[in-house]
Amino acid sequence: MENVKIYIKSIALPLILGGIVSIIISGFMDYNELIKPELAPPGILFPIVWTILYILMGVSYGRLKTKDLLTKETSILYYSQLIVNLLWPIIFFVFDLRFLAFIWILVLDALVIKMIMDFYSKDKLAGLLQIPYILWLLFATYLNFSIYILNR
C-alpha cells in the first residue's frame, strides 16, 4: 500500500503542476495564430502528449523511490528539470520571449538527457520510460526555433 501512495504522489505532482501552468498560460495561448513549420501538430495534441509524459515522469520517479534508489542528486536533477519544464511555456507564451524560450528548452534538453542517464543507471525501465519525453522535447525544440524564426 505504501508503494501505491508513492506512485500516486509521484504521478500527481507533475500532473497538478502542469495543470496549474496550463491555467496560467491559457489567456496567452497564441499557438493557432503563429506561423508554424510544416511539421507542427494541431494545438489539441499538446495537452494529451504532456499528460502522458507527466504520467511517465511520475512512474519513473516513483519506481526509483519505491526501490529506494533515489539519491539527493537524482532528486535535485528530477525537480530541476521539472521546474525548467514548467517555466518554459510561461516564457514562450506569457512573456512572448521566443528566443529565450529556445535557449531555455536547450537547457531542459540537457537536463532531461542527464536525468535519463541517471535514471537508467539506477533502473533501466525508469530511464527507458523517459525516452518519449526527450523525443518530444527535441521535437518541441525544433518547433520553438522554427516558430521564433518564422514569426520575427
N, C-alpha and C. Protein backbone atom coordinates (compact mmCIF):
# COMPACT_ATOMS: atom_id res chain seq x y z
N MET A 1 0.82 -1.21 0.00
CA MET A 1 0.00 0.00 0.00
C MET A 1 0.86 1.26 0.00
N GLU A 2 1.99 1.20 0.71
CA GLU A 2 2.89 2.35 0.74
C GLU A 2 3.41 2.68 -0.66
N ASN A 3 3.71 1.64 -1.45
CA ASN A 3 4.19 1.86 -2.81
C ASN A 3 3.14 2.53 -3.68
N VAL A 4 1.88 2.17 -3.48
CA VAL A 4 0.80 2.79 -4.24
C VAL A 4 0.74 4.29 -3.93
N LYS A 5 0.89 4.65 -2.67
CA LYS A 5 0.88 6.06 -2.27
C LYS A 5 2.05 6.81 -2.90
N ILE A 6 3.20 6.17 -2.95
CA ILE A 6 4.38 6.80 -3.57
C ILE A 6 4.10 7.07 -5.04
N TYR A 7 3.57 6.08 -5.74
CA TYR A 7 3.27 6.26 -7.17
C TYR A 7 2.22 7.34 -7.39
N ILE A 8 1.19 7.35 -6.58
CA ILE A 8 0.13 8.36 -6.72
C ILE A 8 0.71 9.76 -6.54
N LYS A 9 1.52 9.94 -5.50
CA LYS A 9 2.14 11.25 -5.27
C LYS A 9 3.09 11.63 -6.40
N SER A 10 3.88 10.65 -6.84
CA SER A 10 4.87 10.91 -7.88
C SER A 10 4.22 11.28 -9.21
N ILE A 11 3.09 10.68 -9.49
CA ILE A 11 2.37 10.98 -10.74
C ILE A 11 1.55 12.26 -10.59
N ALA A 12 0.94 12.45 -9.44
CA ALA A 12 0.08 13.61 -9.24
C ALA A 12 0.84 14.93 -9.29
N LEU A 13 2.06 14.95 -8.75
CA LEU A 13 2.79 16.22 -8.68
C LEU A 13 3.01 16.85 -10.05
N PRO A 14 3.64 16.16 -11.03
CA PRO A 14 3.80 16.83 -12.33
C PRO A 14 2.47 17.12 -13.02
N LEU A 15 1.47 16.24 -12.83
CA LEU A 15 0.16 16.50 -13.44
C LEU A 15 -0.49 17.76 -12.88
N ILE A 16 -0.46 17.90 -11.58
CA ILE A 16 -1.07 19.07 -10.93
C ILE A 16 -0.31 20.35 -11.31
N LEU A 17 1.02 20.29 -11.23
CA LEU A 17 1.81 21.47 -11.58
C LEU A 17 1.64 21.83 -13.05
N GLY A 18 1.61 20.83 -13.91
CA GLY A 18 1.37 21.08 -15.33
C GLY A 18 0.00 21.69 -15.55
N GLY A 19 -1.00 21.24 -14.79
CA GLY A 19 -2.35 21.81 -14.88
C GLY A 19 -2.38 23.27 -14.45
N ILE A 20 -1.64 23.58 -13.40
CA ILE A 20 -1.58 24.97 -12.93
C ILE A 20 -0.95 25.87 -13.99
N VAL A 21 0.16 25.40 -14.57
CA VAL A 21 0.81 26.17 -15.63
C VAL A 21 -0.13 26.35 -16.82
N SER A 22 -0.86 25.30 -17.14
CA SER A 22 -1.82 25.38 -18.24
C SER A 22 -2.86 26.46 -17.99
N ILE A 23 -3.31 26.56 -16.77
CA ILE A 23 -4.28 27.61 -16.41
C ILE A 23 -3.63 28.99 -16.53
N ILE A 24 -2.39 29.10 -16.05
CA ILE A 24 -1.67 30.38 -16.11
C ILE A 24 -1.52 30.87 -17.54
N ILE A 25 -1.16 29.95 -18.45
CA ILE A 25 -0.88 30.38 -19.83
C ILE A 25 -2.12 30.43 -20.72
N SER A 26 -3.25 29.93 -20.24
CA SER A 26 -4.44 29.81 -21.09
C SER A 26 -4.87 31.13 -21.73
N GLY A 27 -4.74 32.22 -21.05
CA GLY A 27 -5.13 33.51 -21.61
C GLY A 27 -4.11 34.09 -22.58
N PHE A 28 -2.96 33.44 -22.68
CA PHE A 28 -1.88 33.96 -23.52
C PHE A 28 -1.57 33.05 -24.72
N MET A 29 -2.31 31.96 -24.85
CA MET A 29 -2.03 30.99 -25.90
C MET A 29 -2.30 31.59 -27.27
N ASP A 30 -1.24 31.70 -28.05
CA ASP A 30 -1.38 32.24 -29.40
C ASP A 30 -0.88 31.22 -30.44
N TYR A 31 -0.79 29.98 -30.07
CA TYR A 31 -0.25 28.93 -30.95
C TYR A 31 -0.95 28.91 -32.30
N ASN A 32 -2.26 29.00 -32.29
CA ASN A 32 -3.02 28.93 -33.56
C ASN A 32 -2.79 30.14 -34.45
N GLU A 33 -2.39 31.26 -33.88
CA GLU A 33 -2.14 32.47 -34.67
C GLU A 33 -0.71 32.54 -35.21
N LEU A 34 0.17 31.73 -34.69
CA LEU A 34 1.58 31.78 -35.09
C LEU A 34 1.80 31.14 -36.45
N ILE A 35 2.80 31.63 -37.16
CA ILE A 35 3.26 30.94 -38.36
C ILE A 35 4.09 29.76 -37.88
N LYS A 36 3.72 28.56 -38.32
CA LYS A 36 4.36 27.35 -37.83
C LYS A 36 5.00 26.57 -38.98
N PRO A 37 6.00 25.77 -38.65
CA PRO A 37 6.60 24.93 -39.69
C PRO A 37 5.63 23.82 -40.11
N GLU A 38 5.93 23.20 -41.23
CA GLU A 38 5.04 22.16 -41.77
C GLU A 38 4.78 21.02 -40.80
N LEU A 39 5.75 20.64 -40.00
CA LEU A 39 5.60 19.50 -39.09
C LEU A 39 4.85 19.84 -37.80
N ALA A 40 4.42 21.06 -37.65
CA ALA A 40 3.74 21.47 -36.42
C ALA A 40 2.42 20.72 -36.25
N PRO A 41 2.21 20.11 -35.09
CA PRO A 41 0.95 19.40 -34.85
C PRO A 41 -0.16 20.37 -34.46
N PRO A 42 -1.40 19.90 -34.51
CA PRO A 42 -2.51 20.75 -34.05
C PRO A 42 -2.38 20.99 -32.54
N GLY A 43 -2.85 22.13 -32.11
CA GLY A 43 -2.75 22.51 -30.71
C GLY A 43 -3.38 21.53 -29.74
N ILE A 44 -4.43 20.84 -30.16
CA ILE A 44 -5.13 19.90 -29.28
C ILE A 44 -4.24 18.74 -28.85
N LEU A 45 -3.20 18.47 -29.61
CA LEU A 45 -2.31 17.36 -29.29
C LEU A 45 -1.45 17.62 -28.05
N PHE A 46 -1.12 18.87 -27.78
CA PHE A 46 -0.19 19.19 -26.69
C PHE A 46 -0.66 18.74 -25.30
N PRO A 47 -1.88 19.06 -24.89
CA PRO A 47 -2.28 18.60 -23.55
C PRO A 47 -2.34 17.08 -23.44
N ILE A 48 -2.66 16.40 -24.51
CA ILE A 48 -2.70 14.94 -24.49
C ILE A 48 -1.29 14.39 -24.30
N VAL A 49 -0.36 14.88 -25.11
CA VAL A 49 1.02 14.40 -25.02
C VAL A 49 1.62 14.72 -23.65
N TRP A 50 1.42 15.94 -23.17
CA TRP A 50 2.01 16.31 -21.89
C TRP A 50 1.42 15.52 -20.73
N THR A 51 0.16 15.19 -20.80
CA THR A 51 -0.44 14.36 -19.75
C THR A 51 0.26 13.00 -19.71
N ILE A 52 0.46 12.41 -20.86
CA ILE A 52 1.14 11.10 -20.93
C ILE A 52 2.57 11.23 -20.42
N LEU A 53 3.27 12.27 -20.85
CA LEU A 53 4.67 12.44 -20.45
C LEU A 53 4.79 12.68 -18.95
N TYR A 54 3.88 13.46 -18.38
CA TYR A 54 3.92 13.69 -16.93
C TYR A 54 3.63 12.41 -16.16
N ILE A 55 2.74 11.59 -16.67
CA ILE A 55 2.47 10.30 -16.02
C ILE A 55 3.72 9.42 -16.07
N LEU A 56 4.35 9.33 -17.24
CA LEU A 56 5.57 8.53 -17.36
C LEU A 56 6.69 9.07 -16.46
N MET A 57 6.78 10.38 -16.37
CA MET A 57 7.76 11.01 -15.49
C MET A 57 7.52 10.59 -14.04
N GLY A 58 6.27 10.65 -13.62
CA GLY A 58 5.92 10.26 -12.26
C GLY A 58 6.15 8.78 -11.99
N VAL A 59 5.84 7.94 -12.97
CA VAL A 59 6.06 6.50 -12.82
C VAL A 59 7.56 6.22 -12.64
N SER A 60 8.38 6.85 -13.47
CA SER A 60 9.84 6.64 -13.36
C SER A 60 10.35 7.07 -11.99
N TYR A 61 9.95 8.25 -11.56
CA TYR A 61 10.41 8.75 -10.26
C TYR A 61 9.88 7.86 -9.13
N GLY A 62 8.61 7.49 -9.23
CA GLY A 62 8.02 6.60 -8.22
C GLY A 62 8.72 5.26 -8.17
N ARG A 63 9.10 4.75 -9.33
CA ARG A 63 9.81 3.47 -9.40
C ARG A 63 11.15 3.55 -8.64
N LEU A 64 11.88 4.62 -8.86
CA LEU A 64 13.14 4.79 -8.14
C LEU A 64 12.90 4.94 -6.65
N LYS A 65 11.86 5.66 -6.31
CA LYS A 65 11.57 5.89 -4.89
C LYS A 65 11.15 4.59 -4.20
N THR A 66 10.29 3.81 -4.83
CA THR A 66 9.83 2.56 -4.20
C THR A 66 10.95 1.54 -4.08
N LYS A 67 11.94 1.62 -4.95
CA LYS A 67 13.08 0.70 -4.91
C LYS A 67 14.23 1.26 -4.07
N ASP A 68 13.99 2.39 -3.42
CA ASP A 68 14.98 3.06 -2.58
C ASP A 68 16.27 3.35 -3.36
N LEU A 69 16.11 3.81 -4.59
CA LEU A 69 17.25 4.09 -5.45
C LEU A 69 17.50 5.59 -5.64
N LEU A 70 16.71 6.41 -4.98
CA LEU A 70 16.87 7.85 -5.12
C LEU A 70 18.03 8.35 -4.27
N THR A 71 18.83 9.20 -4.88
CA THR A 71 19.86 9.91 -4.14
C THR A 71 19.44 11.38 -4.11
N LYS A 72 20.11 12.15 -3.30
CA LYS A 72 19.81 13.58 -3.24
C LYS A 72 20.05 14.21 -4.62
N GLU A 73 21.14 13.80 -5.28
CA GLU A 73 21.48 14.34 -6.60
C GLU A 73 20.40 14.00 -7.63
N THR A 74 19.88 12.77 -7.58
CA THR A 74 18.84 12.36 -8.51
C THR A 74 17.58 13.19 -8.30
N SER A 75 17.20 13.38 -7.06
CA SER A 75 16.01 14.19 -6.76
C SER A 75 16.20 15.64 -7.20
N ILE A 76 17.38 16.19 -6.97
CA ILE A 76 17.65 17.57 -7.39
C ILE A 76 17.55 17.67 -8.91
N LEU A 77 18.12 16.71 -9.61
CA LEU A 77 18.07 16.69 -11.07
C LEU A 77 16.62 16.58 -11.56
N TYR A 78 15.86 15.68 -10.96
CA TYR A 78 14.47 15.48 -11.36
C TYR A 78 13.65 16.76 -11.16
N TYR A 79 13.74 17.34 -9.96
CA TYR A 79 12.94 18.53 -9.68
C TYR A 79 13.45 19.75 -10.46
N SER A 80 14.74 19.81 -10.73
CA SER A 80 15.28 20.91 -11.54
C SER A 80 14.70 20.87 -12.95
N GLN A 81 14.72 19.69 -13.57
CA GLN A 81 14.17 19.61 -14.93
C GLN A 81 12.68 19.87 -14.93
N LEU A 82 11.98 19.45 -13.87
CA LEU A 82 10.54 19.71 -13.79
C LEU A 82 10.26 21.21 -13.71
N ILE A 83 11.03 21.92 -12.89
CA ILE A 83 10.85 23.37 -12.76
C ILE A 83 11.16 24.07 -14.09
N VAL A 84 12.27 23.69 -14.72
CA VAL A 84 12.63 24.28 -16.01
C VAL A 84 11.53 23.99 -17.03
N ASN A 85 11.03 22.76 -17.02
CA ASN A 85 9.94 22.36 -17.91
C ASN A 85 8.71 23.24 -17.71
N LEU A 86 8.33 23.44 -16.47
CA LEU A 86 7.11 24.19 -16.17
C LEU A 86 7.24 25.68 -16.48
N LEU A 87 8.46 26.20 -16.44
CA LEU A 87 8.66 27.62 -16.74
C LEU A 87 8.71 27.90 -18.24
N TRP A 88 9.04 26.89 -19.05
CA TRP A 88 9.17 27.12 -20.49
C TRP A 88 7.89 27.73 -21.11
N PRO A 89 6.69 27.16 -20.90
CA PRO A 89 5.51 27.75 -21.56
C PRO A 89 5.20 29.16 -21.07
N ILE A 90 5.61 29.48 -19.87
CA ILE A 90 5.40 30.84 -19.36
C ILE A 90 6.30 31.80 -20.14
N ILE A 91 7.55 31.40 -20.33
CA ILE A 91 8.49 32.23 -21.10
C ILE A 91 8.00 32.37 -22.54
N PHE A 92 7.58 31.26 -23.13
CA PHE A 92 7.19 31.23 -24.54
C PHE A 92 5.87 31.96 -24.79
N PHE A 93 4.85 31.67 -24.00
CA PHE A 93 3.52 32.22 -24.26
C PHE A 93 3.21 33.49 -23.48
N VAL A 94 3.44 33.49 -22.17
CA VAL A 94 3.06 34.64 -21.36
C VAL A 94 3.96 35.85 -21.67
N PHE A 95 5.28 35.62 -21.67
CA PHE A 95 6.22 36.72 -21.89
C PHE A 95 6.59 36.91 -23.36
N ASP A 96 6.17 35.96 -24.21
CA ASP A 96 6.38 36.07 -25.66
C ASP A 96 7.87 36.24 -25.99
N LEU A 97 8.72 35.57 -25.23
CA LEU A 97 10.17 35.63 -25.43
C LEU A 97 10.61 34.35 -26.12
N ARG A 98 10.37 34.27 -27.41
CA ARG A 98 10.58 33.03 -28.16
C ARG A 98 12.04 32.60 -28.20
N PHE A 99 12.96 33.56 -28.37
CA PHE A 99 14.37 33.17 -28.42
C PHE A 99 14.86 32.71 -27.05
N LEU A 100 14.48 33.43 -25.99
CA LEU A 100 14.84 33.00 -24.64
C LEU A 100 14.25 31.62 -24.36
N ALA A 101 13.03 31.40 -24.81
CA ALA A 101 12.40 30.08 -24.64
C ALA A 101 13.20 29.00 -25.36
N PHE A 102 13.76 29.33 -26.51
CA PHE A 102 14.60 28.38 -27.23
C PHE A 102 15.84 28.04 -26.42
N ILE A 103 16.51 29.03 -25.88
CA ILE A 103 17.69 28.78 -25.03
C ILE A 103 17.27 27.96 -23.81
N TRP A 104 16.13 28.32 -23.25
CA TRP A 104 15.60 27.63 -22.06
C TRP A 104 15.34 26.14 -22.37
N ILE A 105 14.76 25.86 -23.51
CA ILE A 105 14.45 24.47 -23.85
C ILE A 105 15.72 23.67 -24.15
N LEU A 106 16.77 24.35 -24.62
CA LEU A 106 18.06 23.66 -24.79
C LEU A 106 18.61 23.23 -23.42
N VAL A 107 18.45 24.09 -22.43
CA VAL A 107 18.85 23.73 -21.06
C VAL A 107 18.01 22.55 -20.58
N LEU A 108 16.72 22.59 -20.86
CA LEU A 108 15.84 21.49 -20.48
C LEU A 108 16.25 20.19 -21.17
N ASP A 109 16.57 20.27 -22.46
CA ASP A 109 17.04 19.08 -23.18
C ASP A 109 18.23 18.45 -22.45
N ALA A 110 19.20 19.29 -22.10
CA ALA A 110 20.41 18.80 -21.43
C ALA A 110 20.08 18.18 -20.07
N LEU A 111 19.22 18.85 -19.31
CA LEU A 111 18.83 18.31 -18.00
C LEU A 111 18.12 16.96 -18.13
N VAL A 112 17.24 16.84 -19.11
CA VAL A 112 16.48 15.60 -19.28
C VAL A 112 17.39 14.47 -19.76
N ILE A 113 18.33 14.77 -20.64
CA ILE A 113 19.28 13.74 -21.07
C ILE A 113 20.09 13.25 -19.86
N LYS A 114 20.54 14.19 -19.05
CA LYS A 114 21.28 13.83 -17.83
C LYS A 114 20.39 13.01 -16.89
N MET A 115 19.13 13.42 -16.75
CA MET A 115 18.20 12.69 -15.89
C MET A 115 17.99 11.27 -16.40
N ILE A 116 17.80 11.13 -17.70
CA ILE A 116 17.58 9.80 -18.28
C ILE A 116 18.78 8.90 -18.00
N MET A 117 19.97 9.43 -18.19
CA MET A 117 21.18 8.63 -17.94
C MET A 117 21.27 8.24 -16.46
N ASP A 118 20.93 9.17 -15.58
CA ASP A 118 20.96 8.89 -14.15
C ASP A 118 19.90 7.84 -13.79
N PHE A 119 18.68 8.03 -14.26
CA PHE A 119 17.62 7.05 -14.00
C PHE A 119 18.01 5.68 -14.53
N TYR A 120 18.51 5.64 -15.76
CA TYR A 120 18.87 4.37 -16.41
C TYR A 120 19.96 3.65 -15.64
N SER A 121 20.90 4.39 -15.08
CA SER A 121 21.99 3.77 -14.32
C SER A 121 21.49 3.12 -13.04
N LYS A 122 20.36 3.58 -12.55
CA LYS A 122 19.79 3.03 -11.31
C LYS A 122 18.75 1.96 -11.59
N ASP A 123 17.95 2.18 -12.64
CA ASP A 123 16.87 1.26 -13.01
C ASP A 123 16.59 1.46 -14.49
N LYS A 124 16.89 0.45 -15.28
CA LYS A 124 16.77 0.58 -16.74
C LYS A 124 15.39 1.04 -17.18
N LEU A 125 14.33 0.45 -16.62
CA LEU A 125 12.98 0.81 -17.03
C LEU A 125 12.67 2.27 -16.69
N ALA A 126 13.12 2.73 -15.54
CA ALA A 126 12.90 4.14 -15.16
C ALA A 126 13.52 5.07 -16.20
N GLY A 127 14.68 4.71 -16.70
CA GLY A 127 15.32 5.52 -17.73
C GLY A 127 14.61 5.41 -19.07
N LEU A 128 14.27 4.19 -19.45
CA LEU A 128 13.63 3.97 -20.75
C LEU A 128 12.26 4.64 -20.85
N LEU A 129 11.56 4.72 -19.73
CA LEU A 129 10.24 5.38 -19.73
C LEU A 129 10.33 6.87 -20.06
N GLN A 130 11.54 7.43 -19.99
CA GLN A 130 11.73 8.85 -20.28
C GLN A 130 12.12 9.12 -21.74
N ILE A 131 12.31 8.07 -22.52
CA ILE A 131 12.66 8.25 -23.94
C ILE A 131 11.58 9.04 -24.69
N PRO A 132 10.29 8.75 -24.50
CA PRO A 132 9.27 9.58 -25.18
C PRO A 132 9.38 11.06 -24.80
N TYR A 133 9.75 11.33 -23.55
CA TYR A 133 9.89 12.70 -23.06
C TYR A 133 10.99 13.43 -23.84
N ILE A 134 12.17 12.83 -23.94
CA ILE A 134 13.25 13.53 -24.64
C ILE A 134 12.95 13.63 -26.14
N LEU A 135 12.31 12.63 -26.71
CA LEU A 135 11.95 12.72 -28.13
C LEU A 135 10.99 13.88 -28.36
N TRP A 136 9.99 14.01 -27.49
CA TRP A 136 9.03 15.11 -27.62
C TRP A 136 9.73 16.45 -27.39
N LEU A 137 10.64 16.51 -26.41
CA LEU A 137 11.35 17.75 -26.16
C LEU A 137 12.21 18.17 -27.34
N LEU A 138 12.85 17.22 -27.98
CA LEU A 138 13.67 17.55 -29.15
C LEU A 138 12.79 18.07 -30.28
N PHE A 139 11.61 17.48 -30.43
CA PHE A 139 10.64 17.99 -31.41
C PHE A 139 10.17 19.38 -31.01
N ALA A 140 9.90 19.59 -29.73
CA ALA A 140 9.48 20.91 -29.23
C ALA A 140 10.59 21.94 -29.42
N THR A 141 11.83 21.51 -29.30
CA THR A 141 12.96 22.41 -29.54
C THR A 141 12.96 22.87 -30.99
N TYR A 142 12.75 21.93 -31.90
CA TYR A 142 12.63 22.27 -33.32
C TYR A 142 11.46 23.24 -33.55
N LEU A 143 10.31 22.96 -32.94
CA LEU A 143 9.15 23.84 -33.10
C LEU A 143 9.44 25.24 -32.56
N ASN A 144 10.03 25.28 -31.36
CA ASN A 144 10.34 26.56 -30.74
C ASN A 144 11.24 27.40 -31.65
N PHE A 145 12.31 26.80 -32.15
CA PHE A 145 13.24 27.53 -33.01
C PHE A 145 12.57 27.96 -34.30
N SER A 146 11.82 27.05 -34.90
CA SER A 146 11.13 27.37 -36.16
C SER A 146 10.13 28.49 -35.99
N ILE A 147 9.37 28.44 -34.92
CA ILE A 147 8.37 29.48 -34.65
C ILE A 147 9.07 30.82 -34.41
N TYR A 148 10.18 30.78 -33.70
CA TYR A 148 10.94 32.01 -33.46
C TYR A 148 11.37 32.61 -34.80
N ILE A 149 11.95 31.79 -35.66
CA ILE A 149 12.44 32.26 -36.97
C ILE A 149 11.28 32.77 -37.84
N LEU A 150 10.20 32.02 -37.90
CA LEU A 150 9.08 32.35 -38.79
C LEU A 150 8.25 33.56 -38.33
N ASN A 151 8.34 33.90 -37.06
CA ASN A 151 7.48 34.96 -36.51
C ASN A 151 8.27 36.19 -36.05
N ARG A 152 9.48 36.34 -36.50
CA ARG A 152 10.28 37.50 -36.08
C ARG A 152 9.75 38.78 -36.68
